[in-house]
Structure formats: structure tokens, C-alpha cells
Amino acid sequence: MLLVTVAFASPCPEAPPRLSPPWLHVERSQNGEVVARGRRRRGERHGTWCDWAPFGRLVGVSTWDHGVQHGPFHRWEPDGRETHGGFLAGERHGQWTETRSSGNVMIQGTYDGGLRVGVWTEYGAKGPYVNGERHGVWTAPDREETYANGVLHGVRTRLVDGRPVRT
């Protein structure tokens, strides 16, 4: 079990402020609640943006460059899950982690140009991605599987106490 504690200092207030400086753009829901706030340059999102759910709960912080996501990203779900990673020129890039409310890692790995690459952990299973697809041996507590270009290849081996078992 992998437990991740991420210290994230949000540049956004926990609840949307009633008033905003004139240089910040505010997006509102149909009933007038603030749902997003940040700077715009030439009509496009630019810099840090804060997103709130109805009733003012902070749900996301993202960074933009002339309308394209670029930089750190953090999202909080109502059930306590958190996702954090980054974008490069509008595509997921670098280390991404999704945790349960308990802090246990559900999904973790690296993106390069929007594609999953390298070793990933997904719901207890661990294995490599090549060009955005599972490729090679994936191991979970109860099984071992081999993939070729995203397709299960060969037999799935059942494991008991980490050792193969005939079924």
C-alpha cells in the first residue's frame, strides 16, 4: 500500500470571494455563483485559475498560457479523491497521481506529450506503458498478465502469496 501526502499550497481561497479585483475575470453559474476566477489575456485564460463547485467548494486549480493548459494542475472531488499533475502545451505531462480520500494511491505514473510512459501503478497493479499503451508484464497482488501494445497477450497467471498457482 502506497500512501502519498502532498503539500499543496493553493493560491485560491477556499470559498469564492464576494468581490474580485477588476483585473481578475470571474465566471458565474446561471444563478450568479462564482464558479471560476483568474486572469485573461486577449480573451483567453492566462495564469492561475481557480474553480469552485456550487455552494463555494474549491474543486480545482489550474495554470494556463494564452488559453492552453500549461503548468501545475490540482483537482479535488466531492468523495475526497485528489488528482494532481501538470500540463505542457495542453497535454498531460510529467508525474500524475490520483489518491483516495485516505491518501492511498489509486493511479500514479508519468505522461509524456499526453501519453502514458514508463512504470505505472493502477489500483494495485503495476507495469509499464509504451506509447500510451500497456506493454510488458503487469503484476497485481492476485495475478500477473502480459500485454503487447495494449492487448492482453498470453495467459493470465493467478498468484497466491506472490507465487503462481495452477487453476
Foldseek 3Di string as FASTA:
>chain_A
DDFDDDDDDDPDDQFDDPDDPPQKDFDADPVGGTAKIAHADPRAGAAWMWGADPPGGTFWIFHDHNRATFFKIWGADPQQKIKIAGDHRRATAAWIFIAGNVRHTQKIAGDDRNATAQWMHHRQKIAGDDRRAGAQWIDHQFWIFGDHRNHTDDDIFTDDPRDGDDD
